[in-house]
Amino acid sequence: MWENVEKPVIADNFNKYKKELTPDDILIFEQVAGDTLRKLGYTLELNGSTGHDFSADEINIFDAANKKLKQEARLKTKPEDLEKRRNQEELLKNIQARI
């Protein structure tokens, strides 16, 4: 679970999202997380806001797509890797329960 912590930082391992996400995906992410990103000193790619508030239906669609992608990823993941992630999942569940 922590093996990458011991590896050296990869100098050119940044901005991958620019190649891997669509402009719409970046806009959605920045819209949701923009305030936090700014507070952490990040520059927003698309300036983060269209002034659009997501409806409950849109959020449900995003949530369903996210769950589907997670399920697909689990099917491709080795059982021993899933076991290693169990502690991380439990931690996240505990944090969510406190919120």
Protein backbone atom coordinates (compact mmCIF):
# COMPACT_ATOMS: atom_id res chain seq x y z
CA MET A 1 0.00 0.00 0.00
CA TRP A 2 2.85 2.40 0.78
CA GLU A 3 5.55 1.15 -1.61
CA ASN A 4 5.55 4.35 -3.71
CA VAL A 5 6.35 6.44 -0.63
CA GLU A 6 9.86 4.99 -0.67
CA LYS A 7 10.45 5.66 -4.36
CA PRO A 8 12.08 8.89 -5.56
CA VAL A 9 9.84 11.62 -6.92
CA ILE A 10 9.48 11.44 -10.69
CA ALA A 11 10.37 14.93 -11.91
CA ASP A 12 8.16 14.89 -15.02
CA ASN A 13 5.19 13.16 -13.36
CA PHE A 14 2.73 16.04 -13.38
CA ASN A 15 -0.12 17.50 -15.46
CA LYS A 16 -1.10 14.05 -16.73
CA TYR A 17 -4.73 15.07 -16.42
CA LYS A 18 -4.30 17.43 -19.38
CA LYS A 19 -3.77 14.42 -21.62
CA GLU A 20 -6.13 12.01 -19.87
CA LEU A 21 -9.23 14.15 -19.20
CA THR A 22 -11.52 15.96 -21.56
CA PRO A 23 -12.04 19.72 -21.17
CA ASP A 24 -15.54 18.93 -19.86
CA ASP A 25 -14.09 16.59 -17.22
CA ILE A 26 -11.59 19.25 -16.15
CA LEU A 27 -14.34 21.86 -15.97
CA ILE A 28 -16.52 19.63 -13.79
CA PHE A 29 -13.61 18.84 -11.47
CA GLU A 30 -12.60 22.48 -11.15
CA GLN A 31 -16.20 23.51 -10.59
CA VAL A 32 -16.52 21.06 -7.70
CA ALA A 33 -13.04 21.39 -6.19
CA GLY A 34 -11.99 24.85 -7.40
CA ASP A 35 -12.14 26.66 -4.06
CA THR A 36 -10.07 23.98 -2.37
CA LEU A 37 -7.59 23.88 -5.24
CA ARG A 38 -7.12 27.66 -5.06
CA LYS A 39 -6.61 27.53 -1.28
CA LEU A 40 -3.89 24.92 -1.84
CA GLY A 41 -2.17 27.18 -4.37
CA TYR A 42 -3.13 25.43 -7.58
CA THR A 43 -3.84 27.36 -10.76
CA LEU A 44 -7.07 26.31 -12.42
CA GLU A 45 -6.82 25.16 -16.00
CA LEU A 46 -10.19 26.49 -17.14
CA ASN A 47 -10.69 29.11 -14.46
CA GLY A 48 -13.09 26.73 -12.80
CA SER A 49 -16.49 28.29 -12.96
CA THR A 50 -19.28 28.61 -15.42
CA GLY A 51 -21.61 29.67 -12.66
CA HIS A 52 -23.42 26.35 -13.11
CA ASP A 53 -24.74 24.63 -10.01
CA PHE A 54 -25.16 20.90 -10.52
CA SER A 55 -28.71 19.62 -10.09
CA ALA A 56 -29.51 16.57 -7.98
CA ASP A 57 -30.12 14.64 -11.21
CA GLU A 58 -26.69 15.59 -12.59
CA ILE A 59 -25.01 14.60 -9.34
CA ASN A 60 -26.84 11.26 -9.41
CA ILE A 61 -25.64 10.68 -12.99
CA PHE A 62 -22.04 11.48 -11.97
CA ASP A 63 -22.35 9.19 -8.95
CA ALA A 64 -23.70 6.30 -11.03
CA ALA A 65 -20.92 6.69 -13.61
CA ASN A 66 -18.32 6.80 -10.83
CA LYS A 67 -19.69 3.61 -9.22
CA LYS A 68 -19.69 1.84 -12.60
CA LEU A 69 -16.07 2.81 -13.27
CA LYS A 70 -15.04 1.61 -9.81
CA GLN A 71 -16.76 -1.74 -10.34
CA GLU A 72 -15.05 -2.17 -13.71
CA ALA A 73 -11.68 -1.36 -12.16
CA ARG A 74 -12.25 -3.88 -9.36
CA LEU A 75 -12.85 -6.63 -11.90
CA LYS A 76 -9.42 -5.94 -13.40
CA THR A 77 -7.61 -5.75 -10.04
CA LYS A 78 -5.77 -8.70 -8.52
CA PRO A 79 -7.36 -10.07 -5.31
CA GLU A 80 -4.16 -9.42 -3.32
CA ASP A 81 -4.23 -5.76 -4.38
CA LEU A 82 -7.86 -5.47 -3.31
CA GLU A 83 -6.91 -6.89 0.08
CA LYS A 84 -4.16 -4.29 0.45
CA ARG A 85 -6.68 -1.52 -0.27
CA ARG A 86 -9.19 -2.76 2.31
CA ASN A 87 -7.56 -0.67 5.08
CA GLN A 88 -7.72 2.45 2.92
CA GLU A 89 -11.40 1.83 2.18
CA GLU A 90 -12.18 1.35 5.87
CA LEU A 91 -10.44 4.61 6.72
CA LEU A 92 -12.44 6.48 4.08
CA LYS A 93 -15.69 4.95 5.36
CA ASN A 94 -14.84 6.04 8.90
CA ILE A 95 -14.10 9.59 7.73
CA GLN A 96 -17.34 9.72 5.73
CA ALA A 97 -19.32 8.50 8.72
CA ARG A 98 -17.97 11.40 10.80
CA ILE A 99 -18.97 14.04 8.24
